[in-house]
């Protein structure tokens, strides 16, 4: 059976609302995003740096890291993945190579920023240097189902006109989507919407004192049809620390085994959330009696009700 195409371009064209794409960093976070119903996701270079290498986002992540995790996520998920490739890891030729490799790894969009220094991401490349990278990325993506998200790190407080001009030109060169990554105010978003044509990504909608800085509906009305946000790594750490404190204090895993979490599953294993019995169903198509998946002979709970159960053909 042919594997379904996970096209972000098609999703954006067909959507009548802003497509919200949480940031992910591994296959588990991607699984959680897919299970609750989000239609797309964004690979965060910063969270990959923390999760895979244990270091902060300070230029430590390289192309091999992103390529490796992109291939794992894209091959085990049923929703499209956009990926942050930072500055492309070099000049135009390096950007061309990076984009080609990320397409082969399964990315459905790549985000390319105009940082002049990955240790000081507020330093911008000269315009023409960035445009060279944009041209290289577009050449690499030509004929593929992967789109370019051109990104500027221009500070809206002091450089909004510069950021708008850079993104306007990136769109003119052929970038299907652009983002002024430091937007936080709806007034600035309105200026970007007025000055930059084409698809636009609104980054990291945050909530302060219970009030969102901008809503998905407001984003869409302004022409921002793609919205990203971070929460998965913080949520994962929150759960691990909560369970860890209790289990360490009790010197056991009773707390984890007995706690009924958001899924309703008990025990110490997250395996049921990855729908192991569907793998056994797939195996049975190739002949032989269907097996039941167990962990060291122990029965595994069924996939929890109330969550999206993506067909195995779209996850393997």
Protein backbone atom coordinates (compact mmCIF):
# COMPACT_ATOMS: atom_id res chain seq x y z
CA UNK A 1 0.00 0.00 0.00
CA UNK A 2 1.38 3.41 -0.99
CA UNK A 3 2.22 5.74 1.85
CA UNK A 4 0.14 8.92 1.90
CA UNK A 5 1.89 12.13 0.96
CA UNK A 6 2.17 14.55 3.85
CA UNK A 7 2.17 17.86 2.00
CA UNK A 8 2.32 21.09 3.96
CA UNK A 9 1.79 23.06 0.77
CA UNK A 10 -1.46 21.20 0.07
CA UNK A 11 -2.58 21.56 3.69
CA UNK A 12 -2.04 25.33 3.59
CA UNK A 13 -3.82 25.70 0.27
CA UNK A 14 -6.87 23.80 1.47
CA UNK A 15 -7.11 25.20 4.99
CA UNK A 16 -9.72 27.83 5.84
CA UNK A 17 -8.05 28.71 9.14
CA UNK A 18 -4.59 29.29 10.54
CA UNK A 19 -2.60 26.03 10.64
CA UNK A 20 -1.14 25.67 14.13
CA UNK A 21 2.12 23.73 14.26
CA UNK A 22 3.68 23.07 17.68
CA UNK A 23 7.46 22.79 17.84
CA UNK A 24 8.80 19.25 18.28
CA UNK A 25 12.24 17.80 18.85
CA UNK A 26 11.97 13.99 18.58
CA UNK A 27 9.61 11.19 17.61
CA UNK A 28 7.87 11.15 21.00
CA UNK A 29 7.02 14.86 20.94
CA UNK A 30 5.88 14.51 17.32
CA UNK A 31 3.66 11.59 18.33
CA UNK A 32 2.07 13.63 21.12
CA UNK A 33 1.36 16.54 18.75
CA UNK A 34 -0.21 14.22 16.19
CA UNK A 35 -2.30 12.33 18.74
CA UNK A 36 -4.12 15.43 19.96
CA UNK A 37 -5.03 16.51 16.44
CA UNK A 38 -2.59 19.20 15.33
CA UNK A 39 -2.36 19.12 11.50
CA UNK A 40 1.37 19.98 11.23
CA UNK A 41 4.50 20.48 13.31
CA UNK A 42 7.74 22.44 13.32
CA UNK A 43 11.15 21.05 14.21
CA UNK A 44 12.80 23.43 16.68
CA UNK A 45 16.55 23.67 16.25
CA UNK A 46 16.88 24.96 19.81
CA UNK A 47 14.94 22.12 21.38
CA UNK A 48 16.77 19.56 19.25
CA UNK A 49 20.01 20.97 20.66
CA UNK A 50 18.77 20.47 24.21
CA UNK A 51 17.06 17.11 23.69
CA UNK A 52 19.65 15.42 21.47
CA UNK A 53 22.91 16.95 22.63
CA UNK A 54 22.13 18.31 26.08
CA UNK A 55 23.36 21.79 25.28
CA UNK A 56 21.61 25.14 24.88
CA UNK A 57 20.80 26.70 21.52
CA UNK A 58 24.09 28.49 20.89
CA UNK A 59 25.23 27.27 17.49
CA UNK A 60 25.95 23.71 18.66
CA UNK A 61 23.37 21.99 16.43
CA UNK A 62 24.61 20.89 13.02
CA UNK A 63 23.05 19.64 9.79
CA UNK A 64 23.63 15.99 10.67
CA UNK A 65 21.62 16.38 13.88
CA UNK A 66 18.68 17.97 12.06
CA UNK A 67 18.82 15.58 9.12
CA UNK A 68 18.87 12.55 11.41
CA UNK A 69 15.92 13.55 13.57
CA UNK A 70 13.94 14.87 10.58
CA UNK A 71 14.21 11.49 8.87
CA UNK A 72 13.06 9.69 12.03
CA UNK A 73 10.09 11.97 12.61
CA UNK A 74 8.97 12.15 8.98
CA UNK A 75 9.06 8.36 8.65
CA UNK A 76 6.97 7.74 11.77
CA UNK A 77 4.36 10.48 11.59
CA UNK A 78 1.27 11.12 9.52
CA UNK A 79 1.46 14.94 9.54
CA UNK A 80 3.86 17.27 7.69
CA UNK A 81 7.03 18.51 9.35
CA UNK A 82 8.58 21.92 8.78
CA UNK A 83 12.18 22.19 9.93
CA UNK A 84 14.37 25.04 11.15
CA UNK A 85 17.77 24.82 9.44
CA UNK A 86 19.06 27.94 11.19
CA UNK A 87 21.45 29.84 8.84
CA UNK A 88 21.86 26.85 6.52
CA UNK A 89 25.28 26.02 8.01
CA UNK A 90 27.39 28.14 5.71
CA UNK A 91 27.30 30.09 2.47
CA UNK A 92 25.06 29.53 -0.55
CA UNK A 93 26.59 26.20 -1.55
CA UNK A 94 26.23 24.91 2.00
CA UNK A 95 22.63 26.11 2.06
CA UNK A 96 21.94 24.33 -1.24
CA UNK A 97 23.38 21.09 0.16
CA UNK A 98 21.51 21.47 3.46
CA UNK A 99 18.20 22.04 1.71
CA UNK A 100 18.67 19.06 -0.60
CA UNK A 101 19.50 16.77 2.29
CA UNK A 102 16.56 17.98 4.39
CA UNK A 103 14.19 17.29 1.49
CA UNK A 104 15.54 13.77 1.22
CA UNK A 105 15.09 13.39 4.99
CA UNK A 106 11.39 14.21 4.61
CA UNK A 107 11.00 17.89 5.55
CA UNK A 108 7.98 19.54 3.95
CA UNK A 109 9.28 23.04 4.66
CA UNK A 110 12.62 24.48 5.70
CA UNK A 111 13.09 27.73 7.58
CA UNK A 112 16.21 29.73 6.68
CA UNK A 113 17.22 32.69 8.82
CA UNK A 114 19.33 35.75 8.11
CA UNK A 115 21.53 35.57 11.23
CA UNK A 116 25.07 36.76 10.71
CA UNK A 117 26.35 34.90 13.77
CA UNK A 118 24.69 31.88 15.40
CA UNK A 119 26.10 32.89 18.79
CA UNK A 120 24.62 36.36 18.38
CA UNK A 121 21.48 35.77 16.37
CA UNK A 122 20.47 39.44 16.49
CA UNK A 123 23.35 40.25 14.13
CA UNK A 124 21.92 40.22 10.60
CA UNK A 125 23.68 39.22 7.41
CA UNK A 126 23.94 41.95 4.80
CA UNK A 127 20.84 41.81 2.62
CA UNK A 128 22.54 40.58 -0.54
CA UNK A 129 24.35 37.83 1.36
CA UNK A 130 21.01 36.58 2.67
CA UNK A 131 19.39 36.79 -0.76
CA UNK A 132 22.16 34.59 -2.13
CA UNK A 133 21.21 31.97 0.45
CA UNK A 134 17.53 32.31 -0.41
CA UNK A 135 18.30 31.73 -4.09
CA UNK A 136 20.38 28.67 -3.23
CA UNK A 137 17.63 27.19 -1.06
CA UNK A 138 14.99 27.81 -3.73
CA UNK A 139 17.16 26.13 -6.37
CA UNK A 140 17.56 23.10 -4.11
CA UNK A 141 13.81 22.89 -3.46
CA UNK A 142 12.76 23.37 -7.08
CA UNK A 143 10.50 20.54 -8.21
CA UNK A 144 10.03 19.15 -4.71
CA UNK A 145 7.09 19.22 -2.31
CA UNK A 146 9.10 21.23 0.22
CA UNK A 147 8.58 24.97 0.63
CA UNK A 148 10.98 27.66 1.83
CA UNK A 149 10.15 29.75 4.90
CA UNK A 150 12.38 32.81 4.69
CA UNK A 151 13.05 34.19 8.17
CA UNK A 152 14.44 37.44 9.43
CA UNK A 153 15.73 37.98 12.95
CA UNK A 154 15.21 41.74 12.63
CA UNK A 155 14.03 43.26 15.91
CA UNK A 156 10.57 44.84 15.40
CA UNK A 157 11.40 47.49 18.01
CA UNK A 158 14.22 48.96 15.95
CA UNK A 159 14.45 47.09 12.63
CA UNK A 160 10.89 46.35 11.52
CA UNK A 161 11.17 48.23 8.22
CA UNK A 162 14.38 46.34 7.48
CA UNK A 163 12.75 43.02 8.31
CA UNK A 164 9.74 43.81 6.13
CA UNK A 165 11.94 44.73 3.18
CA UNK A 166 14.00 41.56 3.54
CA UNK A 167 10.91 39.37 3.63
CA UNK A 168 9.26 41.25 0.78
CA UNK A 169 12.32 40.62 -1.36
CA UNK A 170 12.54 36.98 -0.27
CA UNK A 171 8.95 36.53 -1.43
CA UNK A 172 9.78 38.23 -4.71
CA UNK A 173 12.67 35.81 -5.18
CA UNK A 174 10.26 32.89 -4.74
CA UNK A 175 9.95 32.03 -1.04
CA UNK A 176 6.40 30.75 -0.53
CA UNK A 177 6.36 31.75 3.15
CA UNK A 178 8.11 34.37 5.26
CA UNK A 179 8.39 35.15 8.97
CA UNK A 180 9.54 38.08 11.06
CA UNK A 181 10.47 35.81 13.91
CA UNK A 182 10.42 38.31 16.79
CA UNK A 183 6.87 39.57 16.33
CA UNK A 184 5.00 40.00 19.62
CA UNK A 185 2.56 42.84 18.95
CA UNK A 186 -0.52 42.85 16.75
CA UNK A 187 0.34 46.37 15.60
CA UNK A 188 3.66 45.14 14.20
CA UNK A 189 1.90 42.13 12.66
CA UNK A 190 -0.42 44.51 10.82
CA UNK A 191 2.59 46.36 9.38
CA UNK A 192 4.16 43.09 8.26
CA UNK A 193 0.86 41.97 6.71
CA UNK A 194 0.65 45.23 4.78
CA UNK A 195 4.26 45.17 3.59
CA UNK A 196 4.90 41.50 2.82
CA UNK A 197 2.74 39.54 0.35
CA UNK A 198 2.25 35.77 0.29
CA UNK A 199 1.99 33.17 3.02
CA UNK A 200 3.31 34.25 6.40
CA UNK A 201 4.22 32.41 9.59
CA UNK A 202 3.51 33.93 12.99
CA UNK A 203 6.07 32.64 15.50
CA UNK A 204 5.57 31.59 19.09
CA UNK A 205 2.25 33.00 20.23
CA UNK A 206 2.61 33.46 23.98
CA UNK A 207 0.13 34.22 26.74
CA UNK A 208 0.81 36.74 29.48
CA UNK A 209 -1.38 36.88 32.61
CA UNK A 210 -3.86 34.62 30.86
CA UNK A 211 -4.23 36.85 27.81
CA UNK A 212 -2.79 35.73 24.44
CA UNK A 213 -0.74 38.36 22.63
CA UNK A 214 -2.64 37.48 19.44
CA UNK A 215 -5.15 34.76 18.60
CA UNK A 216 -5.04 32.28 15.74
CA UNK A 217 -8.14 33.94 14.30
CA UNK A 218 -6.46 37.35 14.37
CA UNK A 219 -3.36 35.87 12.73
CA UNK A 220 -5.39 34.38 9.90
CA UNK A 221 -7.34 37.58 9.33
CA UNK A 222 -4.01 39.37 8.82
CA UNK A 223 -2.75 36.77 6.33
CA UNK A 224 -0.62 34.69 8.70
CA UNK A 225 -1.75 31.18 7.79
CA UNK A 226 0.91 29.23 9.74
CA UNK A 227 1.39 29.60 13.48
CA UNK A 228 4.09 27.91 15.54
CA UNK A 229 4.56 27.69 19.27
CA UNK A 230 6.76 25.94 21.82
CA UNK A 231 5.37 23.82 24.63
CA UNK A 232 6.35 20.20 24.13
CA UNK A 233 9.80 20.14 25.74
CA UNK A 234 8.68 22.18 28.74
CA UNK A 235 5.64 19.92 29.15
CA UNK A 236 7.80 16.80 28.90
CA UNK A 237 10.30 18.10 31.45
CA UNK A 238 7.42 19.13 33.72
CA UNK A 239 6.01 15.60 33.71
CA UNK A 240 9.38 13.92 34.13
CA UNK A 241 10.29 16.17 37.04
CA UNK A 242 6.93 15.67 38.73
CA UNK A 243 7.16 11.89 38.47
CA UNK A 244 10.86 11.90 39.25
CA UNK A 245 10.50 13.83 42.50
CA UNK A 246 7.80 11.46 43.75
CA UNK A 247 9.53 8.29 42.59
CA UNK A 248 12.86 9.39 44.03
CA UNK A 249 11.29 10.28 47.37
CA UNK A 250 9.48 6.92 47.50
CA UNK A 251 12.41 4.97 45.98
CA UNK A 252 10.11 3.20 43.55
CA UNK A 253 7.73 3.80 40.68
CA UNK A 254 4.39 3.45 42.45
CA UNK A 255 3.47 7.04 41.68
CA UNK A 256 3.96 6.55 37.95
CA UNK A 257 2.29 3.13 37.86
CA UNK A 258 -0.80 4.28 39.72
CA UNK A 259 -1.25 7.78 38.30
CA UNK A 260 -3.92 8.01 35.64
CA UNK A 261 -2.62 10.67 33.30
CA UNK A 262 -4.14 12.49 30.32
CA UNK A 263 -4.34 9.23 28.38
CA UNK A 264 -5.99 7.12 31.07
CA UNK A 265 -3.14 4.60 30.83
CA UNK A 266 -1.47 3.27 33.95
CA UNK A 267 1.83 1.47 34.39
CA UNK A 268 5.35 2.71 33.74
CA UNK A 269 5.50 2.36 29.95
CA UNK A 270 4.47 4.82 27.24
CA UNK A 271 4.43 2.03 24.65
CA UNK A 272 0.59 1.91 24.33
CA UNK A 273 0.65 5.49 23.06
CA UNK A 274 2.61 4.31 20.04
CA UNK A 275 -0.11 1.80 19.11
CA UNK A 276 1.99 -1.39 19.11
CA UNK A 277 -0.88 -3.66 18.12
CA UNK A 278 -1.16 -1.86 14.77
CA UNK A 279 2.38 -3.06 14.03
CA UNK A 280 1.21 -6.60 14.69
CA UNK A 281 -1.74 -6.03 12.35
CA UNK A 282 0.69 -4.95 9.64
CA UNK A 283 2.82 -8.02 10.19
CA UNK A 284 -0.21 -10.26 9.87
CA UNK A 285 -0.82 -8.93 6.32
CA UNK A 286 2.36 -10.65 5.23
CA UNK A 287 1.19 -14.05 6.37
CA UNK A 288 0.98 -16.03 9.54
CA UNK A 289 -1.20 -15.68 12.59
CA UNK A 290 -1.56 -12.27 14.15
CA UNK A 291 0.57 -11.91 17.25
CA UNK A 292 -0.14 -9.89 20.34
CA UNK A 293 2.58 -7.43 21.27
CA UNK A 294 3.87 -7.83 24.81
CA UNK A 295 6.66 -6.37 26.91
CA UNK A 296 8.64 -9.26 28.39
CA UNK A 297 5.46 -11.34 28.22
CA UNK A 298 3.28 -8.68 29.82
CA UNK A 299 0.14 -7.49 28.06
CA UNK A 300 0.21 -3.94 26.74
CA UNK A 301 -2.82 -1.69 27.07
CA UNK A 302 -4.78 -0.67 23.99
CA UNK A 303 -4.27 2.67 22.29
CA UNK A 304 -6.20 5.20 24.41
CA UNK A 305 -9.61 6.45 23.34
CA UNK A 306 -10.09 10.12 22.53
CA UNK A 307 -6.87 10.57 20.57
CA UNK A 308 -6.07 10.52 16.86
CA UNK A 309 -5.07 7.04 15.76
CA UNK A 310 -3.13 7.46 12.54
CA UNK A 311 -3.06 4.37 10.27
CA UNK A 312 0.12 2.37 10.50
CA UNK A 313 0.74 2.88 6.76
CA UNK A 314 1.27 6.58 7.45
CA UNK A 315 3.69 5.94 10.31
CA UNK A 316 6.10 3.36 8.98
